N, C-alpha and C. Protein backbone atom coordinates (compact mmCIF):
# COMPACT_ATOMS: atom_id res chain seq x y z
N MET A 1 44.40 -88.67 4.09
CA MET A 1 43.66 -87.43 3.91
C MET A 1 44.17 -86.42 4.95
N ASP A 2 44.38 -85.19 4.53
CA ASP A 2 44.90 -84.19 5.46
C ASP A 2 43.75 -83.43 6.13
N ASP A 3 44.12 -82.59 7.07
CA ASP A 3 43.12 -81.83 7.83
C ASP A 3 42.29 -80.90 6.95
N HIS A 4 42.92 -80.32 5.94
CA HIS A 4 42.20 -79.42 5.03
C HIS A 4 41.11 -80.17 4.27
N GLU A 5 41.45 -81.33 3.75
CA GLU A 5 40.47 -82.14 3.02
C GLU A 5 39.34 -82.58 3.95
N ASP A 6 39.69 -82.94 5.18
CA ASP A 6 38.67 -83.32 6.17
C ASP A 6 37.73 -82.16 6.44
N ALA A 7 38.29 -80.96 6.57
CA ALA A 7 37.47 -79.77 6.83
C ALA A 7 36.52 -79.49 5.67
N ILE A 8 36.99 -79.68 4.45
CA ILE A 8 36.16 -79.46 3.27
C ILE A 8 35.00 -80.46 3.25
N LYS A 9 35.30 -81.72 3.52
CA LYS A 9 34.25 -82.75 3.54
C LYS A 9 33.27 -82.52 4.68
N ASP A 10 33.78 -82.10 5.83
CA ASP A 10 32.89 -81.80 6.97
C ASP A 10 31.97 -80.63 6.64
N ARG A 11 32.51 -79.63 5.97
CA ARG A 11 31.69 -78.47 5.59
C ARG A 11 30.54 -78.91 4.68
N PHE A 12 30.86 -79.75 3.72
CA PHE A 12 29.82 -80.24 2.81
C PHE A 12 28.77 -81.04 3.58
N ARG A 13 29.22 -81.97 4.43
CA ARG A 13 28.27 -82.79 5.20
C ARG A 13 27.38 -81.92 6.09
N THR A 14 27.95 -80.88 6.65
CA THR A 14 27.21 -80.03 7.58
C THR A 14 26.22 -79.11 6.87
N TYR A 15 26.60 -78.55 5.73
CA TYR A 15 25.82 -77.48 5.12
C TYR A 15 25.16 -77.82 3.78
N SER A 16 25.45 -78.94 3.19
CA SER A 16 24.87 -79.25 1.88
C SER A 16 23.35 -79.35 1.92
N GLY A 17 22.80 -79.73 3.06
CA GLY A 17 21.35 -79.77 3.20
C GLY A 17 20.71 -78.41 3.02
N GLU A 18 21.40 -77.36 3.44
CA GLU A 18 20.90 -76.00 3.25
C GLU A 18 20.83 -75.66 1.77
N LEU A 19 21.86 -76.03 1.02
CA LEU A 19 21.86 -75.76 -0.42
C LEU A 19 20.75 -76.57 -1.09
N ASN A 20 20.56 -77.80 -0.67
CA ASN A 20 19.47 -78.61 -1.22
C ASN A 20 18.13 -77.94 -0.98
N LEU A 21 17.91 -77.46 0.21
CA LEU A 21 16.65 -76.78 0.54
C LEU A 21 16.49 -75.50 -0.28
N LEU A 22 17.58 -74.77 -0.46
CA LEU A 22 17.52 -73.56 -1.27
C LEU A 22 17.10 -73.89 -2.70
N LEU A 23 17.69 -74.92 -3.28
CA LEU A 23 17.30 -75.31 -4.64
C LEU A 23 15.84 -75.73 -4.68
N TRP A 24 15.41 -76.45 -3.68
CA TRP A 24 14.01 -76.90 -3.62
C TRP A 24 13.05 -75.73 -3.55
N ILE A 25 13.45 -74.68 -2.83
CA ILE A 25 12.58 -73.51 -2.66
C ILE A 25 12.63 -72.57 -3.86
N VAL A 26 13.80 -72.32 -4.39
CA VAL A 26 13.96 -71.27 -5.41
C VAL A 26 13.97 -71.81 -6.84
N TRP A 27 14.63 -72.91 -7.06
CA TRP A 27 14.84 -73.38 -8.44
C TRP A 27 13.56 -73.94 -9.04
N LYS A 28 12.97 -74.95 -8.47
CA LYS A 28 11.69 -75.54 -8.88
C LYS A 28 11.53 -75.79 -10.38
N PRO A 29 12.50 -76.43 -11.03
CA PRO A 29 12.34 -76.64 -12.47
C PRO A 29 11.13 -77.51 -12.83
N ILE A 30 10.73 -78.40 -11.93
CA ILE A 30 9.57 -79.24 -12.23
C ILE A 30 8.36 -78.87 -11.40
N GLY A 31 8.42 -77.69 -10.82
CA GLY A 31 7.25 -77.17 -10.12
C GLY A 31 7.18 -77.53 -8.65
N PHE A 32 5.99 -77.42 -8.13
CA PHE A 32 5.74 -77.64 -6.72
C PHE A 32 5.40 -79.10 -6.46
N ASP A 33 5.19 -79.41 -5.21
CA ASP A 33 4.77 -80.76 -4.81
C ASP A 33 5.76 -81.84 -5.20
N VAL A 34 7.04 -81.55 -5.02
CA VAL A 34 8.06 -82.58 -5.21
C VAL A 34 8.70 -82.85 -3.85
N PRO A 35 9.24 -84.05 -3.64
CA PRO A 35 9.88 -84.36 -2.37
C PRO A 35 11.07 -83.44 -2.10
N LEU A 36 11.38 -83.23 -0.84
CA LEU A 36 12.53 -82.39 -0.47
C LEU A 36 13.84 -82.93 -1.05
N THR A 37 13.89 -84.18 -1.33
CA THR A 37 15.11 -84.79 -1.85
C THR A 37 15.20 -84.76 -3.38
N GLU A 38 14.25 -84.14 -4.04
CA GLU A 38 14.17 -84.17 -5.50
C GLU A 38 15.44 -83.67 -6.20
N TYR A 39 16.08 -82.65 -5.66
CA TYR A 39 17.24 -82.04 -6.33
C TYR A 39 18.55 -82.36 -5.61
N GLU A 40 18.49 -83.26 -4.65
CA GLU A 40 19.65 -83.62 -3.83
C GLU A 40 20.85 -84.06 -4.65
N SER A 41 20.62 -84.79 -5.71
CA SER A 41 21.74 -85.32 -6.50
C SER A 41 22.50 -84.23 -7.26
N TYR A 42 21.92 -83.04 -7.37
CA TYR A 42 22.58 -81.94 -8.08
C TYR A 42 23.40 -81.05 -7.14
N VAL A 43 23.21 -81.22 -5.85
CA VAL A 43 23.89 -80.37 -4.87
C VAL A 43 25.41 -80.43 -4.99
N PRO A 44 26.04 -81.61 -5.11
CA PRO A 44 27.50 -81.62 -5.20
C PRO A 44 28.05 -80.81 -6.37
N THR A 45 27.37 -80.84 -7.50
CA THR A 45 27.82 -80.08 -8.67
C THR A 45 27.73 -78.58 -8.42
N ILE A 46 26.61 -78.13 -7.89
CA ILE A 46 26.43 -76.71 -7.62
C ILE A 46 27.37 -76.27 -6.50
N TRP A 47 27.54 -77.12 -5.50
CA TRP A 47 28.47 -76.83 -4.40
C TRP A 47 29.88 -76.61 -4.93
N ARG A 48 30.32 -77.50 -5.82
CA ARG A 48 31.66 -77.38 -6.38
C ARG A 48 31.83 -76.04 -7.12
N LEU A 49 30.82 -75.65 -7.88
CA LEU A 49 30.89 -74.37 -8.58
C LEU A 49 30.98 -73.21 -7.60
N LEU A 50 30.19 -73.27 -6.55
CA LEU A 50 30.23 -72.21 -5.53
C LEU A 50 31.60 -72.18 -4.85
N GLU A 51 32.09 -73.35 -4.52
CA GLU A 51 33.39 -73.45 -3.85
C GLU A 51 34.51 -72.90 -4.73
N GLU A 52 34.38 -73.09 -6.04
CA GLU A 52 35.38 -72.59 -7.00
C GLU A 52 35.17 -71.13 -7.36
N ARG A 53 34.12 -70.51 -6.78
CA ARG A 53 33.77 -69.11 -7.08
C ARG A 53 33.51 -68.93 -8.57
N ALA A 54 32.78 -69.88 -9.14
CA ALA A 54 32.53 -69.90 -10.58
C ALA A 54 31.69 -68.72 -11.05
N GLY A 55 30.86 -68.17 -10.18
CA GLY A 55 30.05 -67.02 -10.57
C GLY A 55 28.64 -67.40 -10.97
N THR A 56 27.78 -66.41 -10.95
CA THR A 56 26.37 -66.61 -11.23
C THR A 56 26.12 -67.17 -12.62
N ASP A 57 26.82 -66.67 -13.61
CA ASP A 57 26.61 -67.13 -14.99
C ASP A 57 26.89 -68.62 -15.13
N ALA A 58 27.99 -69.08 -14.53
CA ALA A 58 28.35 -70.49 -14.63
C ALA A 58 27.35 -71.37 -13.89
N ILE A 59 26.88 -70.91 -12.74
CA ILE A 59 25.89 -71.68 -11.97
C ILE A 59 24.57 -71.71 -12.73
N GLU A 60 24.17 -70.58 -13.27
CA GLU A 60 22.93 -70.53 -14.06
C GLU A 60 23.02 -71.48 -15.25
N ALA A 61 24.15 -71.49 -15.93
CA ALA A 61 24.33 -72.37 -17.09
C ALA A 61 24.27 -73.84 -16.68
N GLU A 62 24.85 -74.16 -15.55
CA GLU A 62 24.81 -75.55 -15.08
C GLU A 62 23.39 -75.95 -14.70
N LEU A 63 22.67 -75.09 -14.03
CA LEU A 63 21.28 -75.39 -13.70
C LEU A 63 20.44 -75.55 -14.97
N ALA A 64 20.70 -74.72 -15.97
CA ALA A 64 19.99 -74.84 -17.25
C ALA A 64 20.33 -76.17 -17.93
N ARG A 65 21.59 -76.54 -17.88
CA ARG A 65 22.01 -77.81 -18.47
C ARG A 65 21.34 -78.98 -17.76
N ILE A 66 21.33 -78.95 -16.43
CA ILE A 66 20.72 -80.03 -15.65
C ILE A 66 19.23 -80.13 -15.97
N SER A 67 18.54 -79.01 -15.93
CA SER A 67 17.10 -79.07 -16.16
C SER A 67 16.78 -79.52 -17.58
N SER A 68 17.58 -79.12 -18.53
CA SER A 68 17.34 -79.50 -19.93
C SER A 68 17.70 -80.96 -20.19
N GLU A 69 18.92 -81.35 -19.81
CA GLU A 69 19.41 -82.69 -20.13
C GLU A 69 18.83 -83.77 -19.21
N SER A 70 18.71 -83.47 -17.93
CA SER A 70 18.28 -84.49 -16.97
C SER A 70 16.77 -84.56 -16.81
N MET A 71 16.10 -83.43 -17.03
CA MET A 71 14.66 -83.37 -16.78
C MET A 71 13.85 -83.11 -18.04
N GLY A 72 14.52 -82.68 -19.10
CA GLY A 72 13.81 -82.37 -20.34
C GLY A 72 12.94 -81.13 -20.22
N ILE A 73 13.35 -80.21 -19.37
CA ILE A 73 12.57 -79.00 -19.08
C ILE A 73 13.46 -77.78 -19.25
N GLU A 74 12.90 -76.73 -19.79
CA GLU A 74 13.60 -75.44 -19.84
C GLU A 74 13.12 -74.63 -18.64
N ALA A 75 13.86 -74.70 -17.54
CA ALA A 75 13.46 -74.01 -16.31
C ALA A 75 13.60 -72.50 -16.48
N THR A 76 12.67 -71.76 -15.91
CA THR A 76 12.70 -70.30 -15.99
C THR A 76 13.31 -69.68 -14.73
N THR A 77 13.71 -70.52 -13.79
CA THR A 77 14.20 -70.02 -12.50
C THR A 77 15.69 -70.25 -12.30
N ASN A 78 16.42 -70.56 -13.37
CA ASN A 78 17.85 -70.83 -13.24
C ASN A 78 18.62 -69.63 -12.69
N LEU A 79 18.35 -68.45 -13.22
CA LEU A 79 19.05 -67.26 -12.75
C LEU A 79 18.71 -66.96 -11.30
N ASP A 80 17.44 -67.03 -10.94
CA ASP A 80 17.04 -66.78 -9.55
C ASP A 80 17.76 -67.73 -8.60
N ALA A 81 17.81 -69.00 -8.96
CA ALA A 81 18.46 -70.00 -8.11
C ALA A 81 19.96 -69.78 -8.03
N ALA A 82 20.58 -69.42 -9.15
CA ALA A 82 22.02 -69.17 -9.16
C ALA A 82 22.36 -67.97 -8.28
N GLU A 83 21.58 -66.92 -8.39
CA GLU A 83 21.82 -65.74 -7.54
C GLU A 83 21.61 -66.06 -6.07
N ALA A 84 20.55 -66.79 -5.77
CA ALA A 84 20.28 -67.16 -4.38
C ALA A 84 21.39 -68.04 -3.82
N ALA A 85 21.87 -68.98 -4.62
CA ALA A 85 22.96 -69.85 -4.17
C ALA A 85 24.22 -69.04 -3.90
N GLY A 86 24.52 -68.11 -4.76
CA GLY A 86 25.70 -67.25 -4.56
C GLY A 86 25.58 -66.41 -3.30
N ARG A 87 24.40 -65.85 -3.06
CA ARG A 87 24.19 -65.07 -1.84
C ARG A 87 24.31 -65.95 -0.61
N TRP A 88 23.70 -67.14 -0.68
CA TRP A 88 23.79 -68.07 0.44
C TRP A 88 25.25 -68.40 0.74
N TRP A 89 26.04 -68.72 -0.26
CA TRP A 89 27.44 -69.07 -0.06
C TRP A 89 28.19 -67.90 0.59
N TYR A 90 27.95 -66.72 0.09
CA TYR A 90 28.63 -65.54 0.65
C TYR A 90 28.31 -65.38 2.13
N TRP A 91 27.04 -65.39 2.46
CA TRP A 91 26.66 -65.18 3.86
C TRP A 91 27.05 -66.35 4.74
N ARG A 92 27.06 -67.54 4.23
CA ARG A 92 27.41 -68.72 5.03
C ARG A 92 28.91 -68.84 5.23
N PHE A 93 29.71 -68.55 4.17
CA PHE A 93 31.14 -68.86 4.23
C PHE A 93 32.10 -67.70 4.01
N ASP A 94 31.70 -66.68 3.29
CA ASP A 94 32.64 -65.63 2.91
C ASP A 94 32.50 -64.32 3.67
N TYR A 95 31.37 -64.11 4.32
CA TYR A 95 31.14 -62.85 5.02
C TYR A 95 32.23 -62.64 6.05
N PRO A 96 32.91 -61.50 6.01
CA PRO A 96 34.02 -61.26 6.94
C PRO A 96 33.55 -61.24 8.40
N GLU A 97 34.20 -62.05 9.23
CA GLU A 97 33.84 -62.13 10.65
C GLU A 97 33.90 -60.77 11.34
N GLU A 98 34.86 -59.95 10.95
CA GLU A 98 35.00 -58.65 11.62
C GLU A 98 33.80 -57.73 11.38
N LEU A 99 33.02 -58.03 10.36
CA LEU A 99 31.82 -57.24 10.10
C LEU A 99 30.57 -57.81 10.77
N ALA A 100 30.70 -58.97 11.37
CA ALA A 100 29.55 -59.66 11.96
C ALA A 100 29.07 -58.99 13.25
N GLY A 101 29.91 -58.19 13.85
CA GLY A 101 29.49 -57.51 15.08
C GLY A 101 29.86 -58.28 16.32
N PRO A 102 29.62 -57.69 17.47
CA PRO A 102 29.99 -58.33 18.72
C PRO A 102 29.18 -59.59 18.99
N GLY A 103 29.83 -60.54 19.63
CA GLY A 103 29.15 -61.76 20.03
C GLY A 103 28.96 -62.78 18.93
N LYS A 104 29.52 -62.55 17.76
CA LYS A 104 29.36 -63.50 16.65
C LYS A 104 30.56 -64.37 16.53
């Protein structure tokens, strides 16, 4: 495994919990009162889409597919979650350092 692959895996290990929490807060296809780990198994799929810059439509479609096929539910929050995930990815990984200001 090369350094680039190690860095990619380290990034996932370090930050995937944030994406899991975001899905738990925003997506909620099965409602409230679910364990924090309820959507953990879907994080790698959504992460991959974000990493590939798949776009909001593709992420929304994948969340809709997951909620429909895996949960038997037509979630109404797929778009909200897809947009939130895209914003999170941008601010976490893509925001230009030169715009972050002094001391960042």
